[in-house]
N, C-alpha and C. Protein backbone atom coordinates (compact mmCIF):
# COMPACT_ATOMS: atom_id res chain seq x y z
N MET A 1 -116.95 -89.76 43.49
CA MET A 1 -118.26 -89.37 44.51
C MET A 1 -118.84 -88.22 43.33
N ASP A 2 -120.54 -88.25 43.08
CA ASP A 2 -121.10 -87.43 42.52
C ASP A 2 -121.67 -86.23 43.42
N GLU A 3 -122.28 -84.99 42.86
CA GLU A 3 -122.74 -84.15 43.64
C GLU A 3 -123.87 -84.70 44.68
N LYS A 4 -124.87 -85.73 44.55
CA LYS A 4 -126.00 -86.00 45.10
C LYS A 4 -125.05 -87.08 46.13
N ASP A 5 -123.77 -87.63 45.97
CA ASP A 5 -123.60 -88.74 46.83
C ASP A 5 -123.02 -87.71 48.39
N ALA A 6 -122.44 -86.72 47.74
CA ALA A 6 -121.36 -85.80 48.65
C ALA A 6 -122.74 -84.87 49.30
N LYS A 7 -123.90 -84.81 48.63
CA LYS A 7 -124.88 -84.24 49.01
C LYS A 7 -125.29 -84.90 50.60
N ASN A 8 -125.43 -86.34 50.34
CA ASN A 8 -126.01 -86.88 51.44
C ASN A 8 -124.79 -87.35 52.24
N LEU A 9 -123.97 -87.54 52.25
CA LEU A 9 -122.92 -87.69 53.08
C LEU A 9 -123.02 -86.73 54.00
N PHE A 10 -123.15 -85.33 53.74
CA PHE A 10 -123.04 -83.85 54.70
C PHE A 10 -124.36 -83.95 55.40
N LEU A 11 -125.54 -84.36 54.47
CA LEU A 11 -126.91 -84.44 55.24
C LEU A 11 -126.35 -85.23 56.54
N ALA A 12 -126.15 -86.37 56.12
CA ALA A 12 -126.23 -87.89 57.23
C ALA A 12 -125.22 -87.15 58.10
N TRP A 13 -124.17 -86.57 57.66
CA TRP A 13 -123.40 -85.99 59.01
C TRP A 13 -123.94 -85.00 60.12
N LEU A 14 -124.83 -84.06 59.27
CA LEU A 14 -125.51 -82.90 60.27
C LEU A 14 -126.34 -83.48 61.09
N VAL A 15 -127.20 -84.74 60.42
CA VAL A 15 -128.30 -84.85 60.94
C VAL A 15 -127.63 -85.91 62.42
N GLY A 16 -126.52 -86.68 61.77
CA GLY A 16 -126.09 -87.35 63.08
C GLY A 16 -125.61 -87.09 63.84
N SER A 17 -125.07 -85.49 64.02
CA SER A 17 -124.29 -84.70 64.44
C SER A 17 -125.04 -84.52 65.67
N VAL A 18 -126.37 -83.47 64.72
CA VAL A 18 -127.52 -83.55 66.12
C VAL A 18 -128.22 -83.97 67.08
N VAL A 19 -128.26 -85.45 66.03
CA VAL A 19 -128.82 -86.67 67.90
C VAL A 19 -127.87 -87.07 68.27
N LEU A 20 -126.63 -87.09 68.06
CA LEU A 20 -125.69 -87.22 69.14
C LEU A 20 -125.36 -85.92 69.59
N PHE A 21 -125.66 -84.71 69.48
CA PHE A 21 -125.39 -83.30 70.41
C PHE A 21 -126.68 -83.69 71.34
N PHE A 22 -127.74 -84.39 71.24
CA PHE A 22 -129.01 -84.18 72.42
C PHE A 22 -128.91 -85.57 72.79
N ALA A 23 -128.47 -86.74 72.61
CA ALA A 23 -128.57 -87.73 73.25
C ALA A 23 -128.13 -87.98 74.19
N PRO A 24 -127.19 -86.92 75.37
CA PRO A 24 -127.37 -87.16 76.42
C PRO A 24 -128.08 -86.11 77.54
N PHE A 25 -128.88 -85.31 76.84
CA PHE A 25 -130.27 -84.98 77.38
C PHE A 25 -130.92 -86.19 77.55
N PHE A 26 -131.57 -87.16 76.94
CA PHE A 26 -132.81 -87.96 76.66
C PHE A 26 -131.90 -89.27 77.63
N ALA A 27 -130.82 -89.44 77.49
CA ALA A 27 -130.31 -90.46 78.21
C ALA A 27 -128.85 -90.15 79.27
N PRO A 28 -128.92 -89.40 80.27
CA PRO A 28 -127.86 -88.35 81.14
C PRO A 28 -126.98 -89.97 81.57
N GLY A 29 -127.46 -90.73 81.83
CA GLY A 29 -126.34 -92.27 82.50
C GLY A 29 -125.81 -92.62 81.72
N TYR A 30 -126.09 -92.94 80.33
CA TYR A 30 -125.94 -93.45 79.26
C TYR A 30 -124.86 -93.12 78.41
N VAL A 31 -125.13 -91.88 78.07
CA VAL A 31 -123.79 -91.03 76.81
C VAL A 31 -123.71 -89.99 77.19
N VAL A 32 -122.04 -89.83 77.02
CA VAL A 32 -121.26 -88.93 77.74
C VAL A 32 -120.49 -88.34 76.48
N LEU A 33 -120.56 -87.09 76.42
CA LEU A 33 -120.04 -86.28 75.50
C LEU A 33 -119.37 -85.53 75.73
N GLY A 34 -117.66 -85.42 75.77
CA GLY A 34 -116.35 -85.11 75.72
C GLY A 34 -115.73 -85.52 77.22
N ASN A 35 -114.02 -85.20 77.07
CA ASN A 35 -113.06 -85.82 77.98
C ASN A 35 -111.95 -84.76 77.68
N ASP A 36 -111.16 -85.22 78.79
CA ASP A 36 -110.19 -84.02 78.65
C ASP A 36 -109.32 -83.92 77.13
N ARG A 37 -109.51 -84.67 76.61
CA ARG A 37 -108.73 -84.21 74.78
C ARG A 37 -109.49 -83.65 74.11
N VAL A 38 -111.23 -83.96 73.87
CA VAL A 38 -112.11 -83.07 73.18
C VAL A 38 -113.21 -82.38 73.89
N SER A 39 -113.36 -81.25 73.63
CA SER A 39 -114.92 -80.88 73.91
C SER A 39 -115.97 -81.27 73.95
N PRO A 40 -116.99 -81.26 75.02
CA PRO A 40 -118.40 -81.72 74.52
C PRO A 40 -119.22 -80.98 73.30
N PHE A 41 -118.70 -79.79 72.79
CA PHE A 41 -119.17 -79.35 71.61
C PHE A 41 -118.40 -79.86 70.57
N LEU A 42 -117.48 -80.68 70.45
CA LEU A 42 -117.02 -80.90 69.36
C LEU A 42 -116.97 -82.58 69.08
N ALA A 43 -117.39 -83.36 70.00
CA ALA A 43 -117.29 -84.74 70.07
C ALA A 43 -118.65 -84.94 69.34
N PRO A 44 -119.69 -84.30 69.23
CA PRO A 44 -120.49 -85.20 68.22
C PRO A 44 -120.21 -85.04 66.98
N PHE A 45 -119.29 -83.79 66.47
CA PHE A 45 -119.25 -83.89 65.21
C PHE A 45 -118.18 -84.92 65.08
N ILE A 46 -117.00 -85.29 65.70
CA ILE A 46 -116.13 -85.65 65.31
C ILE A 46 -116.65 -87.21 65.14
N SER A 47 -117.57 -88.08 66.28
CA SER A 47 -118.12 -89.27 65.96
C SER A 47 -119.06 -89.36 65.22
N SER A 48 -119.63 -88.35 64.62
CA SER A 48 -120.39 -88.54 63.54
C SER A 48 -120.06 -88.24 62.45
N LEU A 49 -118.77 -87.84 62.34
CA LEU A 49 -118.41 -88.05 61.07
C LEU A 49 -117.73 -89.72 60.61
N LEU A 50 -117.10 -90.23 61.57
CA LEU A 50 -116.70 -91.49 62.00
C LEU A 50 -117.54 -92.26 61.58
N ILE A 51 -118.73 -92.16 62.39
CA ILE A 51 -120.25 -93.52 61.96
C ILE A 51 -120.37 -92.83 60.75
N VAL A 52 -120.39 -92.04 60.29
CA VAL A 52 -121.15 -91.74 58.91
C VAL A 52 -120.16 -92.46 57.59
N ILE A 53 -119.01 -92.30 58.08
CA ILE A 53 -118.24 -92.66 56.81
C ILE A 53 -118.05 -94.31 57.21
N LEU A 54 -117.79 -94.93 58.30
CA LEU A 54 -118.53 -96.35 58.45
C LEU A 54 -119.51 -96.89 58.02
N VAL A 55 -120.47 -96.29 58.20
CA VAL A 55 -121.75 -96.75 57.55
C VAL A 55 -121.84 -96.69 55.86
N LYS A 56 -121.06 -95.83 55.80
CA LYS A 56 -121.05 -95.62 54.28
C LYS A 56 -120.63 -96.48 53.23
N LEU A 57 -119.26 -97.05 54.09
CA LEU A 57 -118.23 -97.62 53.82
C LEU A 57 -118.82 -99.22 53.94
N LEU A 58 -119.88 -99.16 54.61
CA LEU A 58 -119.96 -100.58 54.83
C LEU A 58 -121.07 -100.90 53.50
N MET A 59 -122.21 -99.79 53.24
CA MET A 59 -123.46 -100.48 52.55
C MET A 59 -122.29 -100.21 51.46
N MET A 60 -121.74 -99.61 50.71
CA MET A 60 -120.29 -99.78 49.43
C MET A 60 -120.36 -101.26 49.43
N VAL A 61 -119.51 -101.54 50.31
CA VAL A 61 -119.13 -102.94 50.28
C VAL A 61 -120.16 -104.20 50.39
N VAL A 62 -120.74 -103.97 50.94
CA VAL A 62 -122.02 -104.92 51.12
C VAL A 62 -122.89 -105.08 50.25
N SER A 63 -123.50 -103.97 49.16
CA SER A 63 -124.28 -104.07 48.10
C SER A 63 -123.38 -104.04 47.28
N LYS A 64 -122.24 -103.76 47.14
CA LYS A 64 -121.66 -104.23 45.83
C LYS A 64 -121.00 -105.79 46.14
N TYR A 65 -120.72 -106.42 46.93
CA TYR A 65 -120.59 -108.06 46.55
C TYR A 65 -122.03 -109.14 47.53
N MET A 66 -123.01 -108.41 47.56
CA MET A 66 -123.72 -109.30 47.94
C MET A 66 -125.15 -108.68 46.93
N LYS A 67 -124.93 -107.52 45.83
CA LYS A 67 -125.32 -107.57 44.83
C LYS A 67 -126.84 -106.98 45.57
N LEU A 68 -126.93 -106.32 46.30
CA LEU A 68 -128.35 -105.86 46.51
C LEU A 68 -128.38 -104.04 45.64
N ASN A 69 -129.31 -104.25 44.98
CA ASN A 69 -130.23 -103.00 44.43
C ASN A 69 -130.91 -102.10 44.69
N LYS A 70 -131.24 -100.78 45.03
CA LYS A 70 -131.93 -99.69 45.10
C LYS A 70 -133.45 -100.21 45.30
N ALA A 71 -133.86 -101.15 44.34
CA ALA A 71 -135.14 -101.78 44.34
C ALA A 71 -135.62 -102.66 45.89
N SER A 72 -134.47 -103.00 46.69
CA SER A 72 -134.98 -103.53 47.65
C SER A 72 -134.47 -102.91 48.40
N GLU A 73 -135.80 -101.72 48.81
CA GLU A 73 -135.20 -100.96 50.32
C GLU A 73 -135.66 -101.59 51.80
N THR A 74 -136.05 -102.74 51.85
CA THR A 74 -135.84 -103.36 53.02
C THR A 74 -134.90 -103.83 53.14
N SER A 75 -133.99 -104.61 52.82
CA SER A 75 -132.99 -105.11 53.02
C SER A 75 -132.10 -104.00 53.28
N MET A 76 -131.91 -102.66 52.09
CA MET A 76 -130.92 -101.83 52.27
C MET A 76 -131.25 -100.90 53.86
N GLY A 77 -132.49 -101.07 54.16
CA GLY A 77 -133.04 -100.34 55.57
C GLY A 77 -132.14 -101.05 56.88
N ILE A 78 -132.39 -102.60 56.94
CA ILE A 78 -131.74 -103.16 57.81
C ILE A 78 -130.44 -103.26 57.58
N LEU A 79 -129.51 -102.89 56.73
CA LEU A 79 -128.33 -103.03 56.23
C LEU A 79 -127.84 -101.68 57.01
N LEU A 80 -128.58 -100.39 56.76
CA LEU A 80 -128.30 -99.43 57.34
C LEU A 80 -128.44 -98.89 58.70
N LEU A 81 -129.72 -99.98 59.60
CA LEU A 81 -129.65 -99.91 60.57
C LEU A 81 -128.67 -100.95 61.46
N LEU A 82 -128.32 -102.11 60.92
CA LEU A 82 -126.98 -102.39 61.18
C LEU A 82 -125.66 -102.10 61.29
N GLY A 83 -125.87 -101.22 59.85
CA GLY A 83 -124.27 -100.01 59.93
C GLY A 83 -123.90 -99.49 61.03
N TYR A 84 -125.08 -98.45 61.18
CA TYR A 84 -125.40 -97.63 62.18
C TYR A 84 -125.07 -98.17 63.42
N VAL A 85 -125.84 -99.39 64.31
CA VAL A 85 -125.39 -100.00 65.58
C VAL A 85 -123.97 -100.23 65.80
N LEU A 86 -123.23 -100.75 64.72
CA LEU A 86 -122.34 -101.25 64.72
C LEU A 86 -121.14 -100.03 64.76
N SER A 87 -121.50 -99.24 63.84
CA SER A 87 -120.40 -98.34 63.89
C SER A 87 -120.86 -97.22 65.05
N LEU A 88 -121.65 -97.07 65.48
CA LEU A 88 -121.79 -97.01 66.72
C LEU A 88 -121.13 -97.42 68.16
N TRP A 89 -120.95 -98.50 68.28
CA TRP A 89 -120.27 -99.36 69.14
C TRP A 89 -118.84 -99.39 68.91
N LEU A 90 -118.31 -99.09 67.85
CA LEU A 90 -116.83 -99.15 67.49
C LEU A 90 -116.50 -97.19 67.79
N VAL A 91 -117.25 -97.06 67.28
CA VAL A 91 -116.70 -95.50 68.21
C VAL A 91 -116.79 -95.38 69.30
N ALA A 92 -117.60 -95.31 69.97
CA ALA A 92 -118.11 -95.70 71.48
C ALA A 92 -116.57 -96.32 71.86
N ARG A 93 -116.40 -97.23 71.61
CA ARG A 93 -114.86 -98.02 72.28
C ARG A 93 -113.69 -97.10 71.98
N ALA A 94 -113.87 -96.07 71.24
CA ALA A 94 -112.54 -95.50 70.98
C ALA A 94 -112.88 -93.92 71.80
N ALA A 95 -113.76 -93.73 72.62
CA ALA A 95 -114.13 -92.65 73.55
C ALA A 95 -113.18 -91.79 73.88
N LEU A 96 -111.77 -92.50 74.33
CA LEU A 96 -110.77 -91.34 74.81
C LEU A 96 -110.33 -90.74 73.51
N TYR A 97 -110.17 -90.64 71.89
CA TYR A 97 -109.72 -89.98 71.08
C TYR A 97 -111.00 -89.28 70.15
N VAL A 98 -112.38 -90.21 70.67
CA VAL A 98 -113.22 -88.98 69.98
C VAL A 98 -114.24 -88.13 70.92
N GLY A 99 -114.13 -88.51 72.00
CA GLY A 99 -115.07 -87.80 72.66
C GLY A 99 -116.25 -88.15 73.26
N PHE A 100 -116.99 -89.38 72.51
CA PHE A 100 -118.15 -89.93 72.73
C PHE A 100 -117.84 -91.45 73.26
N GLY A 101 -118.78 -91.69 74.10
CA GLY A 101 -118.91 -92.79 75.23
C GLY A 101 -120.57 -93.42 75.56
N ILE A 102 -120.52 -94.57 75.33
CA ILE A 102 -122.33 -94.89 75.93
C ILE A 102 -121.70 -96.00 77.06
N ALA A 103 -122.67 -96.37 77.26
CA ALA A 103 -122.62 -97.52 78.61
C ALA A 103 -122.63 -98.65 78.24
N SER A 104 -123.42 -98.99 76.64
CA SER A 104 -123.90 -100.42 76.76
C SER A 104 -124.19 -100.79 75.23
N PHE A 105 -124.07 -101.68 74.91
CA PHE A 105 -124.77 -101.92 73.40
C PHE A 105 -126.09 -101.48 73.48
N TRP A 106 -126.80 -102.15 74.34
CA TRP A 106 -128.06 -101.63 74.17
C TRP A 106 -128.69 -100.11 73.81
N VAL A 107 -127.38 -99.29 74.36
CA VAL A 107 -127.31 -97.82 73.65
C VAL A 107 -127.23 -97.46 72.83
N ALA A 108 -126.39 -97.90 72.18
CA ALA A 108 -126.02 -98.35 70.46
C ALA A 108 -127.03 -98.57 69.52
N ILE A 109 -127.67 -99.98 70.16
CA ILE A 109 -128.74 -100.06 69.54
C ILE A 109 -129.97 -98.94 69.47
N GLY A 110 -130.30 -98.52 70.75
CA GLY A 110 -131.43 -97.71 70.53
C GLY A 110 -130.94 -95.93 69.85
N ILE A 111 -129.83 -95.92 69.79
CA ILE A 111 -129.56 -94.35 69.45
C ILE A 111 -129.29 -94.71 67.70
N GLY A 112 -128.64 -96.31 67.36
CA GLY A 112 -128.86 -96.54 65.95
C GLY A 112 -129.98 -96.53 65.42
N VAL A 113 -131.16 -97.12 66.07
CA VAL A 113 -132.61 -96.91 65.47
C VAL A 113 -132.65 -95.05 65.23
N ILE A 114 -132.49 -94.66 66.09
CA ILE A 114 -132.69 -93.05 65.78
C ILE A 114 -131.98 -92.57 64.75
N LEU A 115 -130.90 -92.74 64.59
CA LEU A 115 -130.14 -92.13 63.70
C LEU A 115 -130.28 -92.79 62.16
N ALA A 116 -130.55 -94.33 62.18
CA ALA A 116 -131.01 -94.84 61.18
C ALA A 116 -132.80 -94.27 60.28
N THR A 117 -133.10 -93.82 61.15
CA THR A 117 -134.34 -93.33 61.05
C THR A 117 -134.46 -92.00 60.53
N ALA A 118 -133.78 -91.15 61.49
CA ALA A 118 -133.42 -89.60 61.04
C ALA A 118 -133.10 -89.47 59.41
N GLU A 119 -131.93 -90.48 59.53
CA GLU A 119 -131.18 -90.56 57.37
C GLU A 119 -132.55 -90.85 56.52
N TYR A 120 -132.82 -92.37 57.30
CA TYR A 120 -134.05 -92.31 56.07
C TYR A 120 -135.09 -91.36 55.52
N TRP A 121 -135.47 -90.53 56.64
CA TRP A 121 -136.16 -89.47 56.53
C TRP A 121 -135.86 -88.14 56.05
N PHE A 122 -134.79 -88.10 56.21
CA PHE A 122 -134.17 -86.91 55.69
C PHE A 122 -133.47 -86.63 54.31
N SER A 123 -133.26 -88.42 53.86
CA SER A 123 -132.90 -88.32 52.75
C SER A 123 -133.98 -88.57 51.65
N ARG A 124 -134.83 -88.84 52.32
CA ARG A 124 -136.40 -88.82 51.21
C ARG A 124 -136.78 -87.86 51.24
N ILE A 125 -137.09 -86.66 52.09
CA ILE A 125 -137.62 -85.88 52.04
C ILE A 125 -136.14 -84.64 51.10
N SER A 126 -135.00 -85.03 50.96
CA SER A 126 -134.21 -83.80 50.35
C SER A 126 -134.21 -84.30 48.85
N SER A 127 -134.23 -86.00 48.78
CA SER A 127 -134.64 -86.35 46.93
C SER A 127 -135.90 -85.85 46.48
N TYR A 128 -136.93 -85.59 47.46
CA TYR A 128 -138.18 -85.21 47.07
C TYR A 128 -138.11 -83.94 46.53
N LYS A 129 -137.35 -83.07 47.33
CA LYS A 129 -137.13 -81.56 46.80
C LYS A 129 -136.50 -81.57 45.80
N VAL A 130 -135.09 -82.12 45.29
CA VAL A 130 -134.43 -81.92 44.47
C VAL A 130 -135.38 -82.41 43.30
N SER A 131 -135.91 -83.46 43.29
CA SER A 131 -136.79 -84.02 42.28
C SER A 131 -137.75 -82.95 41.44
N ALA A 132 -138.68 -82.33 42.48
CA ALA A 132 -139.86 -81.57 42.89
C ALA A 132 -138.99 -80.34 41.74
N VAL A 133 -137.54 -79.66 42.08
CA VAL A 133 -137.15 -78.46 41.61
C VAL A 133 -136.87 -78.83 40.05
N LYS A 134 -136.17 -80.04 39.96
CA LYS A 134 -136.09 -80.59 38.34
C LYS A 134 -136.98 -80.80 37.54
N LYS A 135 -138.16 -80.86 38.21
CA LYS A 135 -139.66 -81.10 37.48
C LYS A 135 -140.15 -79.57 37.43
N GLN A 136 -139.82 -78.95 38.13
CA GLN A 136 -140.03 -77.06 37.84
C GLN A 136 -139.00 -76.51 36.34
N VAL A 137 -137.65 -77.18 36.44
CA VAL A 137 -137.00 -75.96 35.70
C VAL A 137 -137.47 -76.51 34.44
N LYS A 138 -137.65 -77.80 34.36
CA LYS A 138 -138.20 -78.78 33.21
C LYS A 138 -139.13 -78.20 32.60
N LYS A 139 -140.14 -78.13 33.11
CA LYS A 139 -141.18 -76.95 33.07
C LYS A 139 -141.46 -75.29 32.20
N SER A 140 -140.19 -74.96 33.00
CA SER A 140 -139.86 -73.77 32.56
C SER A 140 -139.31 -73.76 31.51
N LYS A 141 -138.22 -74.68 31.03
CA LYS A 141 -137.75 -74.65 29.79
C LYS A 141 -138.61 -74.77 28.50
N ARG A 142 -139.45 -75.67 29.10
CA ARG A 142 -140.61 -75.85 27.72
C ARG A 142 -141.02 -75.31 27.28
N ARG A 143 -141.63 -73.92 28.37
CA ARG A 143 -142.38 -72.42 27.88
C ARG A 143 -141.72 -71.83 27.47
N ARG A 144 -140.47 -71.45 27.09
CA ARG A 144 -139.57 -70.79 26.42
C ARG A 144 -139.36 -71.21 24.65
């Protein structure tokens, strides 16, 4: 795991935590955070960490065995969406231990779409800024 992968993993975890933290405010009867074992503040962080790890593992395994390359952005986006929906549903099945519960699979689909879209846009923004900074560094080195 290099620095870029670690940054993307941390960014996905942070974005996922924020989305899961605000999910009960937008769907109060369908999403629950916290229980008697896990506090409502800690539940989105634990759940998001598990969800992101499951999604990244799924992306690595499927892209390796199905030989999906980075050029097929549509197939990777669909895989990312399916990964988020399935991992949300699986993590919510362990609500007693992670403190995150959903009412139905349809809620997992809705939150999964939001999570996949948020991760996609934040990864695009972060990769753009990094490449722009690298270009500026190269230009400044040439001037010396």
